[in-house]
Amino acid sequence: MVAKKKPTAKHAKKGGSIVVRGKRKKSVARATIRKGKGRVRFNKMLLTSIADPFVRQIIGEPLTLAPSVASQVDVEVYAYGGGTMGQAQAARTALARALVKYTDDPELKSTIMKRDRFILLEDSRRVEPKKYKGPKARARFQKSYR
């Protein structure tokens, strides 16, 4: 039985695609990158047609750090779980990882890491569960003796 090779940067440049994952809180995003005309889709919508400009800026941040590569590739990002901002940040991580893997350029990786280290690394923080005797995880119900 022959083991199947994982896609690499050489594979992508020949016309194949690379799939990378990014996570943030409860959100998971999967980015597929392939050679193309510079189109970026987030959950089947073009990035330019997303209504919230802050979400658009978060998702497009890795593209601003690699403008030469961004115009040569098509990227599709699918995110699920969590909320809007968690999905946007998970998509940002997946997109940055896809660009680094596609180009296989250590200079691009260091540029992205200098900007914000959580663009490439996943933020391991999670929401602390709520406990009894309180409205939130750490806060306690107030007592009144009157």
N, C-alpha and C. Protein backbone atom coordinates (compact mmCIF):
# COMPACT_ATOMS: atom_id res chain seq x y z
N MET A 1 0.84 -1.18 0.00
CA MET A 1 0.00 0.00 0.00
C MET A 1 0.89 1.25 0.00
N VAL A 2 0.64 2.16 -0.92
CA VAL A 2 1.45 3.37 -1.07
C VAL A 2 0.81 4.49 -0.26
N ALA A 3 1.63 5.16 0.55
CA ALA A 3 1.13 6.28 1.35
C ALA A 3 0.92 7.49 0.47
N LYS A 4 -0.18 8.18 0.67
CA LYS A 4 -0.49 9.37 -0.11
C LYS A 4 0.26 10.56 0.45
N LYS A 5 0.92 11.35 -0.41
CA LYS A 5 1.69 12.50 0.04
C LYS A 5 0.77 13.67 0.35
N LYS A 6 1.16 14.45 1.36
CA LYS A 6 0.43 15.66 1.69
C LYS A 6 0.74 16.73 0.67
N PRO A 7 -0.22 17.61 0.35
CA PRO A 7 0.05 18.68 -0.61
C PRO A 7 1.08 19.67 -0.07
N THR A 8 1.99 20.07 -0.94
CA THR A 8 3.03 21.03 -0.56
C THR A 8 2.92 22.25 -1.44
N ALA A 9 3.85 23.18 -1.26
CA ALA A 9 3.86 24.40 -2.07
C ALA A 9 4.08 24.07 -3.54
N LYS A 10 4.94 23.09 -3.83
CA LYS A 10 5.16 22.69 -5.23
C LYS A 10 3.88 22.15 -5.84
N HIS A 11 3.14 21.36 -5.06
CA HIS A 11 1.89 20.79 -5.51
C HIS A 11 0.89 21.89 -5.87
N ALA A 12 0.83 22.94 -5.04
CA ALA A 12 -0.12 24.03 -5.27
C ALA A 12 0.24 24.83 -6.52
N LYS A 13 1.53 25.03 -6.75
CA LYS A 13 1.94 25.81 -7.90
C LYS A 13 1.69 25.09 -9.22
N LYS A 14 1.56 23.76 -9.16
CA LYS A 14 1.25 22.99 -10.36
C LYS A 14 -0.24 23.03 -10.68
N GLY A 15 -1.04 23.61 -9.81
CA GLY A 15 -2.47 23.70 -10.07
C GLY A 15 -3.32 23.05 -9.00
N GLY A 16 -2.70 22.36 -8.04
CA GLY A 16 -3.44 21.73 -6.95
C GLY A 16 -3.84 22.76 -5.92
N SER A 17 -4.41 22.29 -4.83
CA SER A 17 -4.83 23.22 -3.78
C SER A 17 -4.28 22.76 -2.43
N ILE A 18 -4.22 23.71 -1.51
CA ILE A 18 -3.78 23.44 -0.14
C ILE A 18 -4.92 23.79 0.79
N VAL A 19 -5.20 22.90 1.75
CA VAL A 19 -6.26 23.13 2.73
C VAL A 19 -5.62 23.27 4.10
N VAL A 20 -5.97 24.36 4.81
CA VAL A 20 -5.40 24.65 6.13
C VAL A 20 -6.52 25.02 7.09
N ARG A 21 -6.32 24.72 8.39
CA ARG A 21 -7.35 24.97 9.39
C ARG A 21 -6.90 26.06 10.36
N GLY A 22 -7.85 26.82 10.89
CA GLY A 22 -7.58 27.82 11.91
C GLY A 22 -8.70 27.78 12.94
N LYS A 23 -8.36 28.01 14.21
CA LYS A 23 -9.37 27.96 15.27
C LYS A 23 -9.27 29.20 16.14
N ARG A 24 -10.42 29.59 16.72
CA ARG A 24 -10.48 30.67 17.69
C ARG A 24 -11.73 30.45 18.53
N LYS A 25 -11.58 30.34 19.84
CA LYS A 25 -12.67 30.02 20.75
C LYS A 25 -13.42 28.78 20.25
N LYS A 26 -14.70 28.89 19.94
CA LYS A 26 -15.46 27.73 19.47
C LYS A 26 -15.53 27.67 17.94
N SER A 27 -14.92 28.63 17.26
CA SER A 27 -15.00 28.70 15.80
C SER A 27 -13.87 27.93 15.14
N VAL A 28 -14.20 27.31 14.03
CA VAL A 28 -13.21 26.59 13.22
C VAL A 28 -13.37 27.07 11.79
N ALA A 29 -12.24 27.40 11.15
CA ALA A 29 -12.27 27.85 9.75
C ALA A 29 -11.34 26.96 8.93
N ARG A 30 -11.77 26.68 7.71
CA ARG A 30 -10.98 25.87 6.79
C ARG A 30 -10.74 26.69 5.53
N ALA A 31 -9.47 26.92 5.20
CA ALA A 31 -9.13 27.73 4.03
C ALA A 31 -8.54 26.85 2.95
N THR A 32 -9.03 27.02 1.72
CA THR A 32 -8.49 26.33 0.56
C THR A 32 -7.88 27.37 -0.34
N ILE A 33 -6.60 27.17 -0.70
CA ILE A 33 -5.90 28.14 -1.54
C ILE A 33 -5.43 27.44 -2.81
N ARG A 34 -5.62 28.13 -3.93
CA ARG A 34 -5.18 27.59 -5.23
C ARG A 34 -4.81 28.74 -6.15
N LYS A 35 -4.11 28.45 -7.19
CA LYS A 35 -3.71 29.48 -8.16
C LYS A 35 -4.96 30.09 -8.79
N GLY A 36 -4.97 31.41 -8.95
CA GLY A 36 -6.16 32.05 -9.49
C GLY A 36 -5.96 33.53 -9.75
N LYS A 37 -7.06 34.28 -9.63
CA LYS A 37 -7.08 35.70 -10.00
C LYS A 37 -7.15 36.65 -8.81
N GLY A 38 -7.05 36.16 -7.60
CA GLY A 38 -7.07 37.04 -6.44
C GLY A 38 -8.42 37.15 -5.76
N ARG A 39 -9.33 36.21 -6.01
CA ARG A 39 -10.65 36.23 -5.37
C ARG A 39 -10.57 35.61 -3.98
N VAL A 40 -11.24 36.23 -3.03
CA VAL A 40 -11.29 35.70 -1.67
C VAL A 40 -12.76 35.57 -1.29
N ARG A 41 -13.15 34.36 -0.91
CA ARG A 41 -14.53 34.10 -0.49
C ARG A 41 -14.54 33.64 0.96
N PHE A 42 -15.51 34.17 1.70
CA PHE A 42 -15.71 33.77 3.09
C PHE A 42 -17.14 33.28 3.23
N ASN A 43 -17.32 32.02 3.54
CA ASN A 43 -18.64 31.39 3.61
C ASN A 43 -19.46 31.68 2.36
N LYS A 44 -18.86 31.42 1.20
CA LYS A 44 -19.46 31.55 -0.13
C LYS A 44 -19.77 32.99 -0.55
N MET A 45 -19.32 33.98 0.24
CA MET A 45 -19.51 35.39 -0.13
C MET A 45 -18.15 35.99 -0.45
N LEU A 46 -18.11 36.88 -1.42
CA LEU A 46 -16.87 37.59 -1.69
C LEU A 46 -16.51 38.44 -0.48
N LEU A 47 -15.23 38.56 -0.21
CA LEU A 47 -14.79 39.32 0.95
C LEU A 47 -15.24 40.77 0.87
N THR A 48 -15.29 41.33 -0.34
CA THR A 48 -15.70 42.73 -0.51
C THR A 48 -17.18 42.94 -0.23
N SER A 49 -17.98 41.86 -0.26
CA SER A 49 -19.42 42.02 -0.05
C SER A 49 -19.85 41.79 1.41
N ILE A 50 -18.89 41.58 2.30
CA ILE A 50 -19.23 41.45 3.73
C ILE A 50 -19.59 42.83 4.26
N ALA A 51 -20.71 42.91 4.97
CA ALA A 51 -21.25 44.21 5.39
C ALA A 51 -20.39 44.90 6.45
N ASP A 52 -19.92 44.17 7.44
CA ASP A 52 -19.18 44.77 8.54
C ASP A 52 -17.73 45.05 8.13
N PRO A 53 -17.32 46.32 8.09
CA PRO A 53 -15.96 46.63 7.64
C PRO A 53 -14.87 46.11 8.60
N PHE A 54 -15.19 46.00 9.89
CA PHE A 54 -14.21 45.51 10.85
C PHE A 54 -13.94 44.03 10.64
N VAL A 55 -14.99 43.26 10.38
CA VAL A 55 -14.84 41.83 10.08
C VAL A 55 -14.05 41.65 8.79
N ARG A 56 -14.37 42.47 7.79
CA ARG A 56 -13.66 42.42 6.51
C ARG A 56 -12.17 42.71 6.71
N GLN A 57 -11.86 43.67 7.56
CA GLN A 57 -10.47 44.05 7.82
C GLN A 57 -9.73 42.92 8.54
N ILE A 58 -10.38 42.28 9.50
CA ILE A 58 -9.75 41.17 10.24
C ILE A 58 -9.43 40.01 9.31
N ILE A 59 -10.39 39.63 8.48
CA ILE A 59 -10.18 38.49 7.58
C ILE A 59 -9.12 38.82 6.53
N GLY A 60 -9.10 40.05 6.04
CA GLY A 60 -8.18 40.43 4.97
C GLY A 60 -6.80 40.85 5.43
N GLU A 61 -6.54 40.84 6.74
CA GLU A 61 -5.24 41.29 7.26
C GLU A 61 -4.05 40.51 6.69
N PRO A 62 -4.10 39.17 6.60
CA PRO A 62 -2.96 38.45 6.01
C PRO A 62 -2.72 38.82 4.55
N LEU A 63 -3.78 39.19 3.84
CA LEU A 63 -3.63 39.56 2.43
C LEU A 63 -2.90 40.89 2.28
N THR A 64 -3.07 41.79 3.25
CA THR A 64 -2.36 43.07 3.20
C THR A 64 -0.88 42.90 3.49
N LEU A 65 -0.52 41.83 4.22
CA LEU A 65 0.88 41.57 4.53
C LEU A 65 1.60 40.85 3.39
N ALA A 66 0.84 40.28 2.46
CA ALA A 66 1.43 39.58 1.31
C ALA A 66 0.70 39.98 0.03
N PRO A 67 0.81 41.25 -0.40
CA PRO A 67 0.03 41.71 -1.55
C PRO A 67 0.43 41.05 -2.88
N SER A 68 1.71 40.69 -3.03
CA SER A 68 2.15 40.08 -4.29
C SER A 68 1.54 38.69 -4.48
N VAL A 69 1.40 37.95 -3.40
CA VAL A 69 0.82 36.61 -3.47
C VAL A 69 -0.69 36.69 -3.56
N ALA A 70 -1.29 37.66 -2.90
CA ALA A 70 -2.75 37.77 -2.82
C ALA A 70 -3.39 37.95 -4.19
N SER A 71 -2.72 38.59 -5.12
CA SER A 71 -3.29 38.81 -6.44
C SER A 71 -3.15 37.60 -7.35
N GLN A 72 -2.41 36.58 -6.92
CA GLN A 72 -2.17 35.41 -7.77
C GLN A 72 -2.93 34.16 -7.33
N VAL A 73 -3.65 34.24 -6.22
CA VAL A 73 -4.32 33.05 -5.69
C VAL A 73 -5.80 33.31 -5.43
N ASP A 74 -6.58 32.24 -5.50
CA ASP A 74 -7.98 32.26 -5.09
C ASP A 74 -8.07 31.55 -3.75
N VAL A 75 -8.81 32.14 -2.81
CA VAL A 75 -8.93 31.57 -1.47
C VAL A 75 -10.40 31.42 -1.14
N GLU A 76 -10.76 30.24 -0.63
CA GLU A 76 -12.11 30.00 -0.12
C GLU A 76 -11.99 29.63 1.35
N VAL A 77 -12.70 30.37 2.20
CA VAL A 77 -12.65 30.12 3.64
C VAL A 77 -14.06 29.79 4.11
N TYR A 78 -14.20 28.65 4.79
CA TYR A 78 -15.48 28.26 5.39
C TYR A 78 -15.29 28.22 6.90
N ALA A 79 -16.14 28.93 7.62
CA ALA A 79 -16.05 28.97 9.09
C ALA A 79 -17.39 28.53 9.67
N TYR A 80 -17.31 27.83 10.79
CA TYR A 80 -18.52 27.40 11.47
C TYR A 80 -18.28 27.41 12.98
N GLY A 81 -19.36 27.49 13.74
CA GLY A 81 -19.28 27.50 15.20
C GLY A 81 -18.95 28.88 15.73
N GLY A 82 -19.27 29.11 17.00
CA GLY A 82 -18.92 30.38 17.63
C GLY A 82 -19.71 31.55 17.09
N GLY A 83 -19.15 32.74 17.28
CA GLY A 83 -19.81 33.96 16.84
C GLY A 83 -19.12 34.59 15.65
N THR A 84 -19.55 35.76 15.28
CA THR A 84 -19.04 36.45 14.10
C THR A 84 -17.56 36.77 14.24
N MET A 85 -17.15 37.35 15.37
CA MET A 85 -15.75 37.74 15.54
C MET A 85 -14.84 36.52 15.69
N GLY A 86 -15.32 35.50 16.36
CA GLY A 86 -14.53 34.27 16.48
C GLY A 86 -14.30 33.63 15.12
N GLN A 87 -15.33 33.62 14.29
CA GLN A 87 -15.20 33.08 12.93
C GLN A 87 -14.24 33.92 12.10
N ALA A 88 -14.31 35.25 12.25
CA ALA A 88 -13.42 36.13 11.51
C ALA A 88 -11.96 35.88 11.90
N GLN A 89 -11.71 35.74 13.20
CA GLN A 89 -10.33 35.52 13.66
C GLN A 89 -9.84 34.13 13.30
N ALA A 90 -10.72 33.13 13.30
CA ALA A 90 -10.34 31.79 12.86
C ALA A 90 -10.03 31.81 11.36
N ALA A 91 -10.81 32.57 10.58
CA ALA A 91 -10.56 32.68 9.15
C ALA A 91 -9.23 33.39 8.88
N ARG A 92 -8.92 34.40 9.69
CA ARG A 92 -7.65 35.12 9.57
C ARG A 92 -6.48 34.17 9.79
N THR A 93 -6.56 33.33 10.80
CA THR A 93 -5.50 32.36 11.09
C THR A 93 -5.37 31.36 9.95
N ALA A 94 -6.49 30.83 9.47
CA ALA A 94 -6.46 29.84 8.38
C ALA A 94 -5.89 30.46 7.11
N LEU A 95 -6.28 31.69 6.81
CA LEU A 95 -5.81 32.37 5.60
C LEU A 95 -4.31 32.64 5.67
N ALA A 96 -3.83 33.09 6.81
CA ALA A 96 -2.39 33.36 6.97
C ALA A 96 -1.58 32.08 6.86
N ARG A 97 -2.06 31.02 7.48
CA ARG A 97 -1.35 29.74 7.39
C ARG A 97 -1.33 29.22 5.95
N ALA A 98 -2.44 29.41 5.24
CA ALA A 98 -2.50 28.97 3.85
C ALA A 98 -1.51 29.74 2.98
N LEU A 99 -1.42 31.06 3.18
CA LEU A 99 -0.47 31.86 2.41
C LEU A 99 0.98 31.45 2.68
N VAL A 100 1.30 31.22 3.95
CA VAL A 100 2.66 30.82 4.30
C VAL A 100 2.99 29.45 3.72
N LYS A 101 2.03 28.53 3.79
CA LYS A 101 2.26 27.19 3.25
C LYS A 101 2.34 27.21 1.73
N TYR A 102 1.54 28.06 1.10
CA TYR A 102 1.54 28.16 -0.36
C TYR A 102 2.87 28.72 -0.88
N THR A 103 3.34 29.80 -0.25
CA THR A 103 4.58 30.43 -0.72
C THR A 103 5.83 29.72 -0.23
N ASP A 104 5.74 29.09 0.93
CA ASP A 104 6.89 28.42 1.55
C ASP A 104 8.03 29.41 1.74
N ASP A 105 7.66 30.65 2.17
CA ASP A 105 8.62 31.74 2.30
C ASP A 105 8.82 32.08 3.78
N PRO A 106 10.04 31.86 4.33
CA PRO A 106 10.27 32.18 5.75
C PRO A 106 10.20 33.68 6.04
N GLU A 107 10.48 34.51 5.05
CA GLU A 107 10.42 35.97 5.25
C GLU A 107 8.97 36.42 5.47
N LEU A 108 8.04 35.85 4.70
CA LEU A 108 6.62 36.16 4.87
C LEU A 108 6.14 35.71 6.25
N LYS A 109 6.59 34.54 6.66
CA LYS A 109 6.22 34.02 7.97
C LYS A 109 6.70 34.94 9.10
N SER A 110 7.94 35.41 8.99
CA SER A 110 8.47 36.30 10.03
C SER A 110 7.76 37.65 10.01
N THR A 111 7.39 38.14 8.83
CA THR A 111 6.64 39.40 8.72
C THR A 111 5.29 39.28 9.42
N ILE A 112 4.61 38.18 9.19
CA ILE A 112 3.30 37.96 9.81
C ILE A 112 3.45 37.81 11.32
N MET A 113 4.48 37.09 11.77
CA MET A 113 4.69 36.88 13.21
C MET A 113 5.03 38.19 13.92
N LYS A 114 5.75 39.09 13.23
CA LYS A 114 6.07 40.39 13.83
C LYS A 114 4.82 41.23 14.01
N ARG A 115 3.89 41.13 13.09
CA ARG A 115 2.65 41.91 13.15
C ARG A 115 1.80 41.48 14.35
N ASP A 116 1.54 40.17 14.43
CA ASP A 116 0.74 39.63 15.53
C ASP A 116 0.97 38.13 15.56
N ARG A 117 1.43 37.62 16.69
CA ARG A 117 1.79 36.21 16.71
C ARG A 117 0.58 35.29 16.67
N PHE A 118 -0.61 35.80 17.02
CA PHE A 118 -1.80 34.96 16.98
C PHE A 118 -2.39 34.85 15.58
N ILE A 119 -1.78 35.49 14.59
CA ILE A 119 -2.26 35.29 13.22
C ILE A 119 -1.92 33.87 12.77
N LEU A 120 -0.72 33.41 13.08
CA LEU A 120 -0.32 32.05 12.69
C LEU A 120 -0.57 31.01 13.78
N LEU A 121 -0.41 31.40 15.04
CA LEU A 121 -0.63 30.47 16.14
C LEU A 121 -2.07 30.55 16.60
N GLU A 122 -2.59 29.43 17.07
CA GLU A 122 -3.95 29.44 17.57
C GLU A 122 -3.96 29.89 19.02
N ASP A 123 -4.91 30.73 19.36
CA ASP A 123 -5.06 31.23 20.72
C ASP A 123 -5.72 30.12 21.55
N SER A 124 -5.00 29.61 22.54
CA SER A 124 -5.49 28.45 23.29
C SER A 124 -6.50 28.82 24.37
N ARG A 125 -6.76 30.11 24.59
CA ARG A 125 -7.71 30.51 25.63
C ARG A 125 -9.13 30.09 25.27
N ARG A 126 -9.86 29.61 26.25
CA ARG A 126 -11.24 29.21 26.06
C ARG A 126 -12.08 29.86 27.16
N VAL A 127 -13.39 29.86 26.98
CA VAL A 127 -14.30 30.46 27.94
C VAL A 127 -14.38 29.56 29.17
N GLU A 128 -14.23 30.15 30.34
CA GLU A 128 -14.32 29.39 31.58
C GLU A 128 -15.78 29.06 31.86
N PRO A 129 -16.08 27.83 32.27
CA PRO A 129 -17.48 27.47 32.50
C PRO A 129 -18.07 28.16 33.73
N LYS A 130 -19.36 28.42 33.67
CA LYS A 130 -20.08 29.07 34.77
C LYS A 130 -20.21 28.09 35.94
N LYS A 131 -20.08 28.63 37.15
CA LYS A 131 -20.25 27.82 38.35
C LYS A 131 -21.55 28.20 39.05
N TYR A 132 -21.99 27.32 39.96
CA TYR A 132 -23.19 27.61 40.74
C TYR A 132 -22.88 28.71 41.76
N LYS A 133 -23.87 29.27 42.35
CA LYS A 133 -23.79 30.37 43.31
C LYS A 133 -23.30 31.68 42.69
N GLY A 134 -23.45 31.82 41.39
CA GLY A 134 -23.02 33.06 40.76
C GLY A 134 -23.60 33.22 39.37
N PRO A 135 -23.65 34.47 38.85
CA PRO A 135 -24.20 34.71 37.52
C PRO A 135 -23.22 34.38 36.40
N LYS A 136 -21.90 34.38 36.71
CA LYS A 136 -20.88 34.10 35.70
C LYS A 136 -19.85 33.14 36.28
N ALA A 137 -18.73 32.99 35.60
CA ALA A 137 -17.73 32.02 36.02
C ALA A 137 -17.09 32.37 37.36
N ARG A 138 -16.75 33.64 37.57
CA ARG A 138 -16.08 34.04 38.80
C ARG A 138 -16.94 34.92 39.71
N ALA A 139 -17.86 35.67 39.14
CA ALA A 139 -18.69 36.59 39.94
C ALA A 139 -19.64 35.81 40.83
N ARG A 140 -19.98 36.38 41.98
CA ARG A 140 -20.91 35.74 42.92
C ARG A 140 -22.14 36.62 43.06
N PHE A 141 -23.27 35.99 43.40
CA PHE A 141 -24.48 36.75 43.65
C PHE A 141 -24.28 37.63 44.88
N GLN A 142 -24.82 38.86 44.85
CA GLN A 142 -24.66 39.76 45.97
C GLN A 142 -25.61 39.39 47.09
N LYS A 143 -25.18 39.69 48.31
CA LYS A 143 -26.00 39.39 49.48
C LYS A 143 -26.54 40.68 50.04
N SER A 144 -27.79 40.65 50.48
CA SER A 144 -28.39 41.80 51.11
C SER A 144 -29.00 41.36 52.43
N TYR A 145 -28.72 42.09 53.52
CA TYR A 145 -29.21 41.69 54.83
C TYR A 145 -30.35 42.57 55.30
N ARG A 146 -30.98 43.31 54.40
CA ARG A 146 -32.06 44.19 54.82
C ARG A 146 -33.39 43.65 54.40
